[in-house]
Amino acid sequence: MFDVGFSELMVIGIVALLVLGPERLPKVARTTGHLLGRLQRYVSDVKSDISREMQLDELKRLQEEARQSAISLESTVRNEMAGIEKGVSSSLQSASSAVADLENSIKAPVDGSAAASSFDHDAASAQLDRQLAEADTHAGPAPSGAAVAEEPRSEPVPPEPKSIKS
């Protein structure tokens, strides 16, 4: 703190010895030492209090920043969740309408005519065969280099009933 060398301390000691005398000098030196010790402790306490206050302010600032970032993150997550929910609900709604349209299209032919209720697989097979035959006639003859042999299409022959021998 103060730049006091050994020679200055000697001068102060000699002056104190002359002014105070040899009987009171040890008592004054002891009291001065106690006062300087108290002063040093007081200064160090003040420094540590100031340091603690600065750290406390820094912690409060960091806490506030963390709270603000948490609030920001929460609002971002809520916005994203709302967007996802909206997308899922619109997809669900479009899927529901597609299912309803499909159900209506399936029910319409069944409810619309009595002929559709007696739908026959053999009749549908026969109609498909006719359409294939028409497509073959429109396609024309096969090219000369093609060795594709088509088997004639025939209606399935029902099996003959077996007779039971007694």
Protein backbone atom coordinates (compact mmCIF):
# COMPACT_ATOMS: atom_id res chain seq x y z
CA MET A 1 0.00 0.00 0.00
CA PHE A 2 2.38 2.62 1.20
CA ASP A 3 5.89 2.34 -0.07
CA VAL A 4 7.72 2.39 3.26
CA GLY A 5 11.26 1.04 3.33
CA PHE A 6 13.43 -0.11 6.26
CA SER A 7 15.14 3.26 6.65
CA GLU A 8 11.80 5.06 7.01
CA LEU A 9 10.69 2.54 9.65
CA MET A 10 13.89 3.23 11.61
CA VAL A 11 13.26 6.97 11.55
CA ILE A 12 9.62 6.45 12.72
CA GLY A 13 10.81 4.11 15.51
CA ILE A 14 13.43 6.60 16.76
CA VAL A 15 10.95 9.48 16.76
CA ALA A 16 8.36 7.33 18.61
CA LEU A 17 10.98 6.32 21.18
CA LEU A 18 11.90 9.95 21.81
CA VAL A 19 8.30 11.17 21.95
CA LEU A 20 6.68 8.32 23.90
CA GLY A 21 9.54 7.09 25.95
CA PRO A 22 10.74 3.56 26.58
CA GLU A 23 7.97 2.70 29.07
CA ARG A 24 4.93 3.48 26.88
CA LEU A 25 6.41 2.47 23.49
CA PRO A 26 5.67 -1.31 23.78
CA LYS A 27 2.06 -0.64 24.84
CA VAL A 28 1.48 1.82 21.95
CA ALA A 29 3.11 -0.59 19.47
CA ARG A 30 0.82 -3.42 20.65
CA THR A 31 -2.31 -1.23 20.38
CA THR A 32 -1.23 -0.04 16.94
CA GLY A 33 -0.74 -3.65 15.82
CA HIS A 34 -4.24 -4.62 17.05
CA LEU A 35 -5.78 -1.64 15.26
CA LEU A 36 -3.96 -2.43 12.02
CA GLY A 37 -5.08 -6.08 12.26
CA ARG A 38 -8.70 -5.01 12.76
CA LEU A 39 -8.39 -2.59 9.84
CA GLN A 40 -7.02 -5.37 7.60
CA ARG A 41 -9.81 -7.75 8.63
CA TYR A 42 -12.43 -5.05 8.02
CA VAL A 43 -11.01 -4.32 4.56
CA SER A 44 -10.90 -8.03 3.67
CA ASP A 45 -14.52 -8.48 4.90
CA VAL A 46 -15.66 -5.56 2.75
CA LYS A 47 -13.82 -7.00 -0.26
CA SER A 48 -15.39 -10.44 0.23
CA ASP A 49 -18.88 -8.89 0.66
CA ILE A 50 -18.46 -6.93 -2.55
CA SER A 51 -17.22 -10.05 -4.32
CA ARG A 52 -20.21 -12.07 -3.05
CA GLU A 53 -22.64 -9.36 -4.19
CA MET A 54 -21.06 -9.33 -7.64
CA GLN A 55 -21.35 -13.13 -7.85
CA LEU A 56 -24.95 -12.96 -6.65
CA ASP A 57 -25.79 -10.38 -9.31
CA GLU A 58 -24.12 -12.55 -11.93
CA LEU A 59 -26.11 -15.59 -10.76
CA LYS A 60 -29.36 -13.63 -10.86
CA ARG A 61 -28.55 -12.47 -14.39
CA LEU A 62 -27.78 -16.04 -15.49
CA GLN A 63 -30.97 -17.27 -13.83
CA GLU A 64 -33.01 -14.67 -15.69
CA GLU A 65 -31.35 -15.61 -19.00
CA ALA A 66 -32.08 -19.30 -18.36
CA ARG A 67 -35.69 -18.49 -17.49
CA GLN A 68 -36.10 -16.43 -20.68
CA SER A 69 -34.59 -19.18 -22.84
CA ALA A 70 -36.86 -21.77 -21.16
CA ILE A 71 -39.91 -19.61 -21.89
CA SER A 72 -38.77 -19.17 -25.49
CA LEU A 73 -38.20 -22.90 -25.89
CA GLU A 74 -41.61 -23.67 -24.38
CA SER A 75 -43.38 -21.29 -26.77
CA THR A 76 -41.49 -22.76 -29.73
CA VAL A 77 -42.44 -26.29 -28.71
CA ARG A 78 -46.08 -25.27 -28.21
CA ASN A 79 -46.18 -23.64 -31.65
CA GLU A 80 -44.64 -26.70 -33.28
CA MET A 81 -47.06 -29.02 -31.49
CA ALA A 82 -50.01 -26.88 -32.60
CA GLY A 83 -48.78 -27.08 -36.20
CA ILE A 84 -48.36 -30.84 -35.98
CA GLU A 85 -51.81 -31.26 -34.41
CA LYS A 86 -53.35 -29.11 -37.15
CA GLY A 87 -51.61 -31.19 -39.85
CA VAL A 88 -52.67 -34.47 -38.28
CA SER A 89 -56.26 -33.32 -37.86
CA SER A 90 -56.45 -32.17 -41.50
CA SER A 91 -54.96 -35.49 -42.65
CA LEU A 92 -57.42 -37.36 -40.45
CA GLN A 93 -60.30 -35.31 -41.82
CA SER A 94 -59.27 -35.93 -45.43
CA ALA A 95 -58.85 -39.66 -44.69
CA SER A 96 -62.30 -39.74 -43.06
CA SER A 97 -63.87 -38.07 -46.07
CA ALA A 98 -62.08 -40.50 -48.41
CA VAL A 99 -63.37 -43.46 -46.39
CA ALA A 100 -66.88 -42.00 -46.43
CA ASP A 101 -66.70 -41.52 -50.22
CA LEU A 102 -65.46 -45.08 -50.63
CA GLU A 103 -68.27 -46.43 -48.44
CA ASN A 104 -70.80 -44.43 -50.46
CA SER A 105 -69.40 -45.71 -53.76
CA ILE A 106 -69.55 -49.30 -52.49
CA LYS A 107 -73.09 -48.93 -51.17
CA ALA A 108 -74.44 -47.12 -54.27
CA PRO A 109 -74.43 -50.07 -56.72
CA VAL A 110 -75.80 -52.45 -54.08
CA ASP A 111 -78.63 -50.12 -53.09
CA GLY A 112 -79.26 -48.85 -56.63
CA SER A 113 -80.52 -51.94 -58.46
CA ALA A 114 -81.89 -55.35 -57.76
CA ALA A 115 -79.75 -56.88 -60.52
CA ALA A 116 -76.58 -55.95 -58.64
CA SER A 117 -77.73 -57.93 -55.62
CA SER A 118 -77.87 -61.09 -57.71
CA PHE A 119 -74.31 -60.66 -58.93
CA ASP A 120 -73.05 -63.80 -60.63
CA HIS A 121 -69.37 -64.61 -60.91
CA ASP A 122 -69.89 -66.77 -64.00
CA ALA A 123 -71.56 -63.89 -65.81
CA ALA A 124 -68.68 -61.59 -64.92
CA SER A 125 -66.20 -64.19 -66.15
CA ALA A 126 -68.08 -64.56 -69.42
CA GLN A 127 -68.14 -60.80 -69.94
CA LEU A 128 -64.40 -60.62 -69.32
CA ASP A 129 -63.81 -63.38 -71.87
CA ARG A 130 -65.87 -61.48 -74.46
CA GLN A 131 -63.87 -58.33 -73.84
CA LEU A 132 -60.61 -60.24 -74.27
CA ALA A 133 -61.82 -61.76 -77.52
CA GLU A 134 -62.76 -58.31 -78.84
CA ALA A 135 -59.35 -56.98 -77.88
CA ASP A 136 -57.70 -59.87 -79.77
CA THR A 137 -59.70 -59.15 -82.92
CA HIS A 138 -58.86 -55.44 -82.78
CA ALA A 139 -55.18 -56.21 -82.30
CA GLY A 140 -55.00 -57.98 -85.65
CA PRO A 141 -52.92 -60.99 -86.70
CA ALA A 142 -49.71 -61.75 -84.83
CA PRO A 143 -46.45 -60.75 -86.55
CA SER A 144 -44.89 -63.44 -88.76
CA GLY A 145 -41.74 -63.82 -86.64
CA ALA A 146 -43.63 -64.37 -83.44
CA ALA A 147 -44.02 -67.93 -82.36
CA VAL A 148 -46.66 -67.28 -79.76
CA ALA A 149 -49.36 -69.88 -79.66
CA GLU A 150 -52.45 -69.07 -77.73
CA GLU A 151 -54.60 -71.79 -76.36
CA PRO A 152 -58.27 -71.41 -77.04
CA ARG A 153 -60.22 -70.18 -74.08
CA SER A 154 -63.01 -72.35 -72.99
CA GLU A 155 -65.61 -72.23 -70.32
CA PRO A 156 -64.89 -74.42 -67.33
CA VAL A 157 -66.68 -77.74 -67.51
CA PRO A 158 -68.53 -78.64 -64.35
CA PRO A 159 -67.65 -82.06 -62.97
CA GLU A 160 -70.10 -84.86 -63.56
CA PRO A 161 -71.97 -86.07 -60.54
CA LYS A 162 -70.67 -89.32 -59.14
CA SER A 163 -73.07 -92.16 -58.80
CA ILE A 164 -73.33 -93.90 -55.56
CA LYS A 165 -73.19 -97.70 -55.74
CA SER A 166 -75.18 -99.69 -53.29
